[in-house]
Amino acid sequence: MSATYQDFNTLRQPVVTEKSYSATGASNQYTFRVDRVATKVQIKRAVEEIFEVKVDKVQVINMPGKEKRRGMHVGRRAGYRKAVVRLAEGHSLEVTEEG
């Protein structure tokens, strides 16, 4: 099967931080920002269809929005949902490579 429009809507963007980059090498885990209503099954299917790899495990974290101030004005950043995807042995992604 090939990736559908819904699969590309589920995965928003890869999260490239120092912590997520170290997890990539150590335990074959990749972190993505995902749709707010995406389930673990939908995330697993999207990664498998888009990147043609085998997913072992998916963990989902709801990140709360942060309150931000500038002087007397108070605002709030939007929260987001991220997924940590562990790939099966022998599989890897080239999504976080700089080039």
PDB file of N, CA and C in Angstrom:
ATOM      1  N   MET A   1       0.838  -1.188   0.000  1.00  0.00           N
ATOM      2  CA  MET A   1       0.000   0.000   0.000  1.00  0.00           C
ATOM      3  C   MET A   1       0.876   1.242   0.000  1.00  0.00           C
ATOM      4  N   SER A   2       0.316   2.346  -0.449  1.00  0.00           N
ATOM      5  CA  SER A   2       1.057   3.597  -0.458  1.00  0.00           C
ATOM      6  C   SER A   2       0.440   4.568   0.546  1.00  0.00           C
ATOM      7  N   ALA A   3       1.196   5.594   0.877  1.00  0.00           N
ATOM      8  CA  ALA A   3       0.747   6.582   1.844  1.00  0.00           C
ATOM      9  C   ALA A   3      -0.409   7.401   1.273  1.00  0.00           C
ATOM     10  N   THR A   4      -1.360   7.746   2.133  1.00  0.00           N
ATOM     11  CA  THR A   4      -2.522   8.535   1.732  1.00  0.00           C
ATOM     12  C   THR A   4      -2.400   9.953   2.277  1.00  0.00           C
ATOM     13  N   TYR A   5      -3.316  10.793   1.867  1.00  0.00           N
ATOM     14  CA  TYR A   5      -3.371  12.177   2.345  1.00  0.00           C
ATOM     15  C   TYR A   5      -3.528  12.207   3.858  1.00  0.00           C
ATOM     16  N   GLN A   6      -4.328  11.310   4.405  1.00  0.00           N
ATOM     17  CA  GLN A   6      -4.552  11.243   5.851  1.00  0.00           C
ATOM     18  C   GLN A   6      -3.261  10.916   6.599  1.00  0.00           C
ATOM     19  N   ASP A   7      -2.413  10.070   6.039  1.00  0.00           N
ATOM     20  CA  ASP A   7      -1.136   9.737   6.671  1.00  0.00           C
ATOM     21  C   ASP A   7      -0.250  10.968   6.795  1.00  0.00           C
ATOM     22  N   PHE A   8      -0.218  11.789   5.743  1.00  0.00           N
ATOM     23  CA  PHE A   8       0.599  12.998   5.777  1.00  0.00           C
ATOM     24  C   PHE A   8       0.012  14.050   6.703  1.00  0.00           C
ATOM     25  N   ASN A   9      -1.305  14.040   6.920  1.00  0.00           N
ATOM     26  CA  ASN A   9      -1.925  14.954   7.884  1.00  0.00           C
ATOM     27  C   ASN A   9      -1.662  14.515   9.317  1.00  0.00           C
ATOM     28  N   THR A  10      -1.472  13.224   9.535  1.00  0.00           N
ATOM     29  CA  THR A  10      -1.232  12.707  10.878  1.00  0.00           C
ATOM     30  C   THR A  10       0.132  13.140  11.390  1.00  0.00           C
ATOM     31  N   LEU A  11       1.174  12.976  10.582  1.00  0.00           N
ATOM     32  CA  LEU A  11       2.527  13.394  10.970  1.00  0.00           C
ATOM     33  C   LEU A  11       2.740  14.834  10.525  1.00  0.00           C
ATOM     34  N   ARG A  12       2.976  15.728  11.475  1.00  0.00           N
ATOM     35  CA  ARG A  12       3.150  17.140  11.133  1.00  0.00           C
ATOM     36  C   ARG A  12       4.603  17.459  10.796  1.00  0.00           C
ATOM     37  N   GLN A  13       5.540  17.149  11.720  1.00  0.00           N
ATOM     38  CA  GLN A  13       6.953  17.437  11.475  1.00  0.00           C
ATOM     39  C   GLN A  13       7.795  16.666  12.467  1.00  0.00           C
ATOM     40  N   PRO A  14       9.027  16.378  12.108  1.00  0.00           N
ATOM     41  CA  PRO A  14       9.914  15.712  13.059  1.00  0.00           C
ATOM     42  C   PRO A  14      10.382  16.693  14.133  1.00  0.00           C
ATOM     43  N   VAL A  15      10.600  16.190  15.338  1.00  0.00           N
ATOM     44  CA  VAL A  15      11.130  17.001  16.429  1.00  0.00           C
ATOM     45  C   VAL A  15      12.620  16.720  16.510  1.00  0.00           C
ATOM     46  N   VAL A  16      13.424  17.738  16.229  1.00  0.00           N
ATOM     47  CA  VAL A  16      14.870  17.572  16.245  1.00  0.00           C
ATOM     48  C   VAL A  16      15.430  18.407  17.395  1.00  0.00           C
ATOM     49  N   THR A  17      15.636  17.740  18.527  1.00  0.00           N
ATOM     50  CA  THR A  17      16.247  18.362  19.690  1.00  0.00           C
ATOM     51  C   THR A  17      17.422  17.498  20.117  1.00  0.00           C
ATOM     52  N   GLU A  18      18.180  17.994  21.063  1.00  0.00           N
ATOM     53  CA  GLU A  18      19.322  17.224  21.541  1.00  0.00           C
ATOM     54  C   GLU A  18      18.867  15.901  22.159  1.00  0.00           C
ATOM     55  N   LYS A  19      17.786  15.960  22.907  1.00  0.00           N
ATOM     56  CA  LYS A  19      17.267  14.767  23.571  1.00  0.00           C
ATOM     57  C   LYS A  19      16.725  13.749  22.560  1.00  0.00           C
ATOM     58  N   SER A  20      15.968  14.213  21.579  1.00  0.00           N
ATOM     59  CA  SER A  20      15.413  13.282  20.597  1.00  0.00           C
ATOM     60  C   SER A  20      16.508  12.727  19.686  1.00  0.00           C
ATOM     61  N   TYR A  21      17.529  13.524  19.412  1.00  0.00           N
ATOM     62  CA  TYR A  21      18.620  13.069  18.560  1.00  0.00           C
ATOM     63  C   TYR A  21      19.432  11.972  19.253  1.00  0.00           C
ATOM     64  N   SER A  22      19.619  12.083  20.584  1.00  0.00           N
ATOM     65  CA  SER A  22      20.354  11.040  21.305  1.00  0.00           C
ATOM     66  C   SER A  22      19.543   9.750  21.382  1.00  0.00           C
ATOM     67  N   ALA A  23      18.222   9.850  21.458  1.00  0.00           N
ATOM     68  CA  ALA A  23      17.370   8.658  21.474  1.00  0.00           C
ATOM     69  C   ALA A  23      17.385   7.944  20.130  1.00  0.00           C
ATOM     70  N   THR A  24      17.644   8.693  19.061  1.00  0.00           N
ATOM     71  CA  THR A  24      17.705   8.102  17.729  1.00  0.00           C
ATOM     72  C   THR A  24      18.820   7.073  17.645  1.00  0.00           C
ATOM     73  N   GLY A  25      19.993   7.432  18.118  1.00  0.00           N
ATOM     74  CA  GLY A  25      21.127   6.514  18.047  1.00  0.00           C
ATOM     75  C   GLY A  25      21.081   5.427  19.102  1.00  0.00           C
ATOM     76  N   ALA A  26      20.643   5.769  20.295  1.00  0.00           N
ATOM     77  CA  ALA A  26      20.688   4.823  21.407  1.00  0.00           C
ATOM     78  C   ALA A  26      19.644   3.717  21.287  1.00  0.00           C
ATOM     79  N   SER A  27      18.410   4.066  20.994  1.00  0.00           N
ATOM     80  CA  SER A  27      17.348   3.053  21.031  1.00  0.00           C
ATOM     81  C   SER A  27      16.466   3.038  19.789  1.00  0.00           C
ATOM     82  N   ASN A  28      16.933   3.632  18.683  1.00  0.00           N
ATOM     83  CA  ASN A  28      16.198   3.595  17.419  1.00  0.00           C
ATOM     84  C   ASN A  28      14.806   4.208  17.544  1.00  0.00           C
ATOM     85  N   GLN A  29      14.711   5.356  18.235  1.00  0.00           N
ATOM     86  CA  GLN A  29      13.450   6.057  18.426  1.00  0.00           C
ATOM     87  C   GLN A  29      13.472   7.381  17.673  1.00  0.00           C
ATOM     88  N   TYR A  30      12.328   7.749  17.116  1.00  0.00           N
ATOM     89  CA  TYR A  30      12.182   9.003  16.386  1.00  0.00           C
ATOM     90  C   TYR A  30      10.975   9.737  16.934  1.00  0.00           C
ATOM     91  N   THR A  31      11.067  11.062  17.017  1.00  0.00           N
ATOM     92  CA  THR A  31      10.010  11.870  17.613  1.00  0.00           C
ATOM     93  C   THR A  31       9.383  12.758  16.543  1.00  0.00           C
ATOM     94  N   PHE A  32       8.043  12.805  16.541  1.00  0.00           N
ATOM     95  CA  PHE A  32       7.289  13.610  15.583  1.00  0.00           C
ATOM     96  C   PHE A  32       6.235  14.418  16.301  1.00  0.00           C
ATOM     97  N   ARG A  33       5.945  15.631  15.778  1.00  0.00           N
ATOM     98  CA  ARG A  33       4.729  16.325  16.168  1.00  0.00           C
ATOM     99  C   ARG A  33       3.610  15.715  15.344  1.00  0.00           C
ATOM    100  N   VAL A  34       2.489  15.423  15.985  1.00  0.00           N
ATOM    101  CA  VAL A  34       1.393  14.755  15.291  1.00  0.00           C
ATOM    102  C   VAL A  34       0.093  15.534  15.489  1.00  0.00           C
ATOM    103  N   ASP A  35      -0.926  15.134  14.763  1.00  0.00           N
ATOM    104  CA  ASP A  35      -2.248  15.739  14.853  1.00  0.00           C
ATOM    105  C   ASP A  35      -2.802  15.575  16.271  1.00  0.00           C
ATOM    106  N   ARG A  36      -3.561  16.558  16.741  1.00  0.00           N
ATOM    107  CA  ARG A  36      -4.080  16.542  18.117  1.00  0.00           C
ATOM    108  C   ARG A  36      -5.003  15.357  18.390  1.00  0.00           C
ATOM    109  N   VAL A  37      -5.666  14.847  17.384  1.00  0.00           N
ATOM    110  CA  VAL A  37      -6.634  13.765  17.591  1.00  0.00           C
ATOM    111  C   VAL A  37      -6.143  12.424  17.069  1.00  0.00           C
ATOM    112  N   ALA A  38      -4.874  12.343  16.671  1.00  0.00           N
ATOM    113  CA  ALA A  38      -4.338  11.094  16.117  1.00  0.00           C
ATOM    114  C   ALA A  38      -4.158  10.049  17.217  1.00  0.00           C
ATOM    115  N   THR A  39      -4.511   8.813  16.906  1.00  0.00           N
ATOM    116  CA  THR A  39      -4.337   7.712  17.850  1.00  0.00           C
ATOM    117  C   THR A  39      -3.017   7.009  17.579  1.00  0.00           C
ATOM    118  N   LYS A  40      -2.615   6.118  18.492  1.00  0.00           N
ATOM    119  CA  LYS A  40      -1.375   5.369  18.316  1.00  0.00           C
ATOM    120  C   LYS A  40      -1.424   4.506  17.060  1.00  0.00           C
ATOM    121  N   VAL A  41      -2.563   3.924  16.775  1.00  0.00           N
ATOM    122  CA  VAL A  41      -2.719   3.067  15.595  1.00  0.00           C
ATOM    123  C   VAL A  41      -2.560   3.891  14.321  1.00  0.00           C
ATOM    124  N   GLN A  42      -3.150   5.088  14.286  1.00  0.00           N
ATOM    125  CA  GLN A  42      -3.034   5.953  13.113  1.00  0.00           C
ATOM    126  C   GLN A  42      -1.593   6.425  12.918  1.00  0.00           C
ATOM    127  N   ILE A  43      -0.908   6.739  14.018  1.00  0.00           N
ATOM    128  CA  ILE A  43       0.479   7.188  13.928  1.00  0.00           C
ATOM    129  C   ILE A  43       1.367   6.056  13.422  1.00  0.00           C
ATOM    130  N   LYS A  44       1.163   4.857  13.940  1.00  0.00           N
ATOM    131  CA  LYS A  44       1.943   3.700  13.505  1.00  0.00           C
ATOM    132  C   LYS A  44       1.743   3.442  12.016  1.00  0.00           C
ATOM    133  N   ARG A  45       0.506   3.487  11.576  1.00  0.00           N
ATOM    134  CA  ARG A  45       0.202   3.248  10.162  1.00  0.00           C
ATOM    135  C   ARG A  45       0.837   4.320   9.279  1.00  0.00           C
ATOM    136  N   ALA A  46       0.768   5.584   9.717  1.00  0.00           N
ATOM    137  CA  ALA A  46       1.326   6.680   8.925  1.00  0.00           C
ATOM    138  C   ALA A  46       2.833   6.533   8.763  1.00  0.00           C
ATOM    139  N   VAL A  47       3.543   6.213   9.840  1.00  0.00           N
ATOM    140  CA  VAL A  47       4.996   6.062   9.760  1.00  0.00           C
ATOM    141  C   VAL A  47       5.358   4.881   8.866  1.00  0.00           C
ATOM    142  N   GLU A  48       4.645   3.774   9.023  1.00  0.00           N
ATOM    143  CA  GLU A  48       4.929   2.589   8.208  1.00  0.00           C
ATOM    144  C   GLU A  48       4.660   2.840   6.730  1.00  0.00           C
ATOM    145  N   GLU A  49       3.597   3.579   6.410  1.00  0.00           N
ATOM    146  CA  GLU A  49       3.246   3.821   5.012  1.00  0.00           C
ATOM    147  C   GLU A  49       4.159   4.868   4.372  1.00  0.00           C
ATOM    148  N   ILE A  50       4.462   5.935   5.087  1.00  0.00           N
ATOM    149  CA  ILE A  50       5.260   7.016   4.500  1.00  0.00           C
ATOM    150  C   ILE A  50       6.718   6.609   4.329  1.00  0.00           C
ATOM    151  N   PHE A  51       7.306   6.023   5.376  1.00  0.00           N
ATOM    152  CA  PHE A  51       8.734   5.718   5.354  1.00  0.00           C
ATOM    153  C   PHE A  51       9.061   4.267   5.005  1.00  0.00           C
ATOM    154  N   GLU A  52       8.043   3.431   4.865  1.00  0.00           N
ATOM    155  CA  GLU A  52       8.209   2.015   4.511  1.00  0.00           C
ATOM    156  C   GLU A  52       9.156   1.296   5.478  1.00  0.00           C
ATOM    157  N   VAL A  53       8.837   1.398   6.774  1.00  0.00           N
ATOM    158  CA  VAL A  53       9.588   0.727   7.835  1.00  0.00           C
ATOM    159  C   VAL A  53       8.612  -0.023   8.720  1.00  0.00           C
ATOM    160  N   LYS A  54       9.129  -0.822   9.626  1.00  0.00           N
ATOM    161  CA  LYS A  54       8.310  -1.568  10.572  1.00  0.00           C
ATOM    162  C   LYS A  54       8.397  -0.888  11.934  1.00  0.00           C
ATOM    163  N   VAL A  55       7.243  -0.509  12.498  1.00  0.00           N
ATOM    164  CA  VAL A  55       7.189   0.174  13.789  1.00  0.00           C
ATOM    165  C   VAL A  55       6.958  -0.853  14.892  1.00  0.00           C
ATOM    166  N   ASP A  56       7.765  -0.744  15.940  1.00  0.00           N
ATOM    167  CA  ASP A  56       7.665  -1.660  17.079  1.00  0.00           C
ATOM    168  C   ASP A  56       6.730  -1.109  18.154  1.00  0.00           C
ATOM    169  N   LYS A  57       6.843   0.197  18.473  1.00  0.00           N
ATOM    170  CA  LYS A  57       6.098   0.771  19.584  1.00  0.00           C
ATOM    171  C   LYS A  57       5.872   2.255  19.348  1.00  0.00           C
ATOM    172  N   VAL A  58       4.727   2.777  19.824  1.00  0.00           N
ATOM    173  CA  VAL A  58       4.412   4.200  19.724  1.00  0.00           C
ATOM    174  C   VAL A  58       4.008   4.708  21.105  1.00  0.00           C
ATOM    175  N   GLN A  59       4.635   5.800  21.543  1.00  0.00           N
ATOM    176  CA  GLN A  59       4.253   6.470  22.780  1.00  0.00           C
ATOM    177  C   GLN A  59       3.807   7.877  22.426  1.00  0.00           C
ATOM    178  N   VAL A  60       2.704   8.345  23.038  1.00  0.00           N
ATOM    179  CA  VAL A  60       2.128   9.639  22.714  1.00  0.00           C
ATOM    180  C   VAL A  60       2.152  10.528  23.949  1.00  0.00           C
ATOM    181  N   ILE A  61       2.552  11.788  23.757  1.00  0.00           N
ATOM    182  CA  ILE A  61       2.626  12.755  24.847  1.00  0.00           C
ATOM    183  C   ILE A  61       1.850  13.999  24.438  1.00  0.00           C
ATOM    184  N   ASN A  62       0.956  14.478  25.308  1.00  0.00           N
ATOM    185  CA  ASN A  62       0.248  15.730  25.087  1.00  0.00           C
ATOM    186  C   ASN A  62       1.023  16.837  25.796  1.00  0.00           C
ATOM    187  N   MET A  63       1.595  17.748  25.029  1.00  0.00           N
ATOM    188  CA  MET A  63       2.381  18.841  25.588  1.00  0.00           C
ATOM    189  C   MET A  63       1.460  20.040  25.818  1.00  0.00           C
ATOM    190  N   PRO A  64       1.399  20.549  27.047  1.00  0.00           N
ATOM    191  CA  PRO A  64       0.524  21.688  27.317  1.00  0.00           C
ATOM    192  C   PRO A  64       1.096  22.976  26.742  1.00  0.00           C
ATOM    193  N   GLY A  65       0.207  23.946  26.464  1.00  0.00           N
ATOM    194  CA  GLY A  65       0.648  25.257  25.997  1.00  0.00           C
ATOM    195  C   GLY A  65       1.291  26.025  27.137  1.00  0.00           C
ATOM    196  N   LYS A  66       2.184  26.933  26.792  1.00  0.00           N
ATOM    197  CA  LYS A  66       2.889  27.717  27.803  1.00  0.00           C
ATOM    198  C   LYS A  66       2.352  29.145  27.833  1.00  0.00           C
ATOM    199  N   GLU A  67       2.311  29.713  29.027  1.00  0.00           N
ATOM    200  CA  GLU A  67       1.923  31.103  29.165  1.00  0.00           C
ATOM    201  C   GLU A  67       3.130  31.986  28.881  1.00  0.00           C
ATOM    202  N   LYS A  68       2.947  32.993  28.049  1.00  0.00           N
ATOM    203  CA  LYS A  68       4.024  33.906  27.689  1.00  0.00           C
ATOM    204  C   LYS A  68       3.607  35.334  28.014  1.00  0.00           C
ATOM    205  N   ARG A  69       4.572  36.137  28.456  1.00  0.00           N
ATOM    206  CA  ARG A  69       4.301  37.525  28.821  1.00  0.00           C
ATOM    207  C   ARG A  69       5.241  38.457  28.074  1.00  0.00           C
ATOM    208  N   ARG A  70       4.737  39.625  27.791  1.00  0.00           N
ATOM    209  CA  ARG A  70       5.571  40.710  27.288  1.00  0.00           C
ATOM    210  C   ARG A  70       5.075  41.967  27.988  1.00  0.00           C
ATOM    211  N   GLY A  71       5.748  42.318  29.046  1.00  0.00           N
ATOM    212  CA  GLY A  71       5.289  43.439  29.864  1.00  0.00           C
ATOM    213  C   GLY A  71       4.010  43.060  30.590  1.00  0.00           C
ATOM    214  N   MET A  72       2.987  43.873  30.421  1.00  0.00           N
ATOM    215  CA  MET A  72       1.713  43.603  31.087  1.00  0.00           C
ATOM    216  C   MET A  72       0.830  42.656  30.278  1.00  0.00           C
ATOM    217  N   HIS A  73       1.172  42.438  29.040  1.00  0.00           N
ATOM    218  CA  HIS A  73       0.344  41.616  28.161  1.00  0.00           C
ATOM    219  C   HIS A  73       0.661  40.144  28.361  1.00  0.00           C
ATOM    220  N   VAL A  74      -0.380  39.371  28.596  1.00  0.00           N
ATOM    221  CA  VAL A  74      -0.223  37.939  28.831  1.00  0.00           C
ATOM    222  C   VAL A  74      -0.894  37.185  27.696  1.00  0.00           C
ATOM    223  N   GLY A  75      -0.191  36.196  27.161  1.00  0.00           N
ATOM    224  CA  GLY A  75      -0.745  35.369  26.104  1.00  0.00           C
ATOM    225  C   GLY A  75      -0.462  33.910  26.384  1.00  0.00           C
ATOM    226  N   ARG A  76      -0.908  33.065  25.506  1.00  0.00           N
ATOM    227  CA  ARG A  76      -0.717  31.636  25.701  1.00  0.00           C
ATOM    228  C   ARG A  76      -0.363  30.986  24.361  1.00  0.00           C
ATOM    229  N   ARG A  77       0.709  30.205  24.365  1.00  0.00           N
ATOM    230  CA  ARG A  77       1.061  29.424  23.177  1.00  0.00           C
ATOM    231  C   ARG A  77       0.177  28.188  23.119  1.00  0.00           C
ATOM    232  N   ALA A  78      -0.057  27.729  21.931  1.00  0.00           N
ATOM    233  CA  ALA A  78      -0.888  26.545  21.755  1.00  0.00           C
ATOM    234  C   ALA A  78      -0.126  25.289  22.181  1.00  0.00           C
ATOM    235  N   GLY A  79      -0.826  24.345  22.755  1.00  0.00           N
ATOM    236  CA  GLY A  79      -0.236  23.061  23.085  1.00  0.00           C
ATOM    237  C   GLY A  79      -0.155  22.198  21.840  1.00  0.00           C
ATOM    238  N   TYR A  80       0.543  21.078  21.951  1.00  0.00           N
ATOM    239  CA  TYR A  80       0.667  20.175  20.815  1.00  0.00           C
ATOM    240  C   TYR A  80       0.798  18.744  21.315  1.00  0.00           C
ATOM    241  N   ARG A  81       0.774  17.814  20.395  1.00  0.00           N
ATOM    242  CA  ARG A  81       0.875  16.394  20.702  1.00  0.00           C
ATOM    243  C   ARG A  81       2.090  15.852  19.972  1.00  0.00           C
ATOM    244  N   LYS A  82       2.900  15.071  20.672  1.00  0.00           N
ATOM    245  CA  LYS A  82       4.046  14.476  20.000  1.00  0.00           C
ATOM    246  C   LYS A  82       4.060  12.984  20.239  1.00  0.00           C
ATOM    247  N   ALA A  83       4.693  12.286  19.322  1.00  0.00           N
ATOM    248  CA  ALA A  83       4.764  10.833  19.383  1.00  0.00           C
ATOM    249  C   ALA A  83       6.214  10.396  19.300  1.00  0.00           C
ATOM    250  N   VAL A  84       6.586   9.447  20.154  1.00  0.00           N
ATOM    251  CA  VAL A  84       7.901   8.829  20.102  1.00  0.00           C
ATOM    252  C   VAL A  84       7.701   7.441  19.502  1.00  0.00           C
ATOM    253  N   VAL A  85       8.312   7.217  18.341  1.00  0.00           N
ATOM    254  CA  VAL A  85       8.109   5.988  17.581  1.00  0.00           C
ATOM    255  C   VAL A  85       9.388   5.161  17.636  1.00  0.00           C
ATOM    256  N   ARG A  86       9.264   3.926  18.115  1.00  0.00           N
ATOM    257  CA  ARG A  86      10.410   3.009  18.125  1.00  0.00           C
ATOM    258  C   ARG A  86      10.278   2.066  16.937  1.00  0.00           C
ATOM    259  N   LEU A  87      11.335   2.004  16.149  1.00  0.00           N
ATOM    260  CA  LEU A  87      11.323   1.139  14.967  1.00  0.00           C
ATOM    261  C   LEU A  87      11.838  -0.246  15.321  1.00  0.00           C
ATOM    262  N   ALA A  88      11.428  -1.213  14.525  1.00  0.00           N
ATOM    263  CA  ALA A  88      11.874  -2.589  14.708  1.00  0.00           C
ATOM    264  C   ALA A  88      13.368  -2.690  14.409  1.00  0.00           C
ATOM    265  N   GLU A  89      13.980  -3.740  14.895  1.00  0.00           N
ATOM    266  CA  GLU A  89      15.416  -3.971  14.701  1.00  0.00           C
ATOM    267  C   GLU A  89      15.756  -4.009  13.211  1.00  0.00           C
ATOM    268  N   GLY A  90      16.797  -3.281  12.838  1.00  0.00           N
ATOM    269  CA  GLY A  90      17.241  -3.289  11.451  1.00  0.00           C
ATOM    270  C   GLY A  90      16.638  -2.198  10.583  1.00  0.00           C
ATOM    271  N   HIS A  91      15.695  -1.422  11.101  1.00  0.00           N
ATOM    272  CA  HIS A  91      15.071  -0.341  10.348  1.00  0.00           C
ATOM    273  C   HIS A  91      15.578   0.998  10.868  1.00  0.00           C
ATOM    274  N   SER A  92      15.655   1.985   9.979  1.00  0.00           N
ATOM    275  CA  SER A  92      16.038   3.335  10.393  1.00  0.00           C
ATOM    276  C   SER A  92      15.421   4.347   9.437  1.00  0.00           C
ATOM    277  N   LEU A  93      15.404   5.622   9.861  1.00  0.00           N
ATOM    278  CA  LEU A  93      14.873   6.703   9.046  1.00  0.00           C
ATOM    279  C   LEU A  93      15.976   7.703   8.745  1.00  0.00           C
ATOM    280  N   GLU A  94      15.844   8.394   7.624  1.00  0.00           N
ATOM    281  CA  GLU A  94      16.780   9.441   7.259  1.00  0.00           C
ATOM    282  C   GLU A  94      16.146  10.804   7.475  1.00  0.00           C
ATOM    283  N   VAL A  95      15.129  10.873   8.321  1.00  0.00           N
ATOM    284  CA  VAL A  95      14.349  12.117   8.485  1.00  0.00           C
ATOM    285  C   VAL A  95      15.119  13.183   9.243  1.00  0.00           C
ATOM    286  N   THR A  96      16.011  12.829  10.140  1.00  0.00           N
ATOM    287  CA  THR A  96      16.694  13.816  10.965  1.00  0.00           C
ATOM    288  C   THR A  96      18.108  14.103  10.488  1.00  0.00           C
ATOM    289  N   GLU A  97      18.487  13.569   9.361  1.00  0.00           N
ATOM    290  CA  GLU A  97      19.826  13.811   8.848  1.00  0.00           C
ATOM    291  C   GLU A  97      19.905  15.192   8.220  1.00  0.00           C
ATOM    292  N   GLU A  98      20.970  15.923   8.525  1.00  0.00           N
ATOM    293  CA  GLU A  98      21.177  17.228   7.906  1.00  0.00           C
ATOM    294  C   GLU A  98      21.943  17.036   6.608  1.00  0.00           C
ATOM    295  N   GLY A  99      21.595  17.805   5.608  1.00  0.00           N
ATOM    296  CA  GLY A  99      22.297  17.608   4.362  1.00  0.00           C
ATOM    297  C   GLY A  99      22.094  18.607   3.349  1.00  0.00           C
TER     298      GLY A  99
END
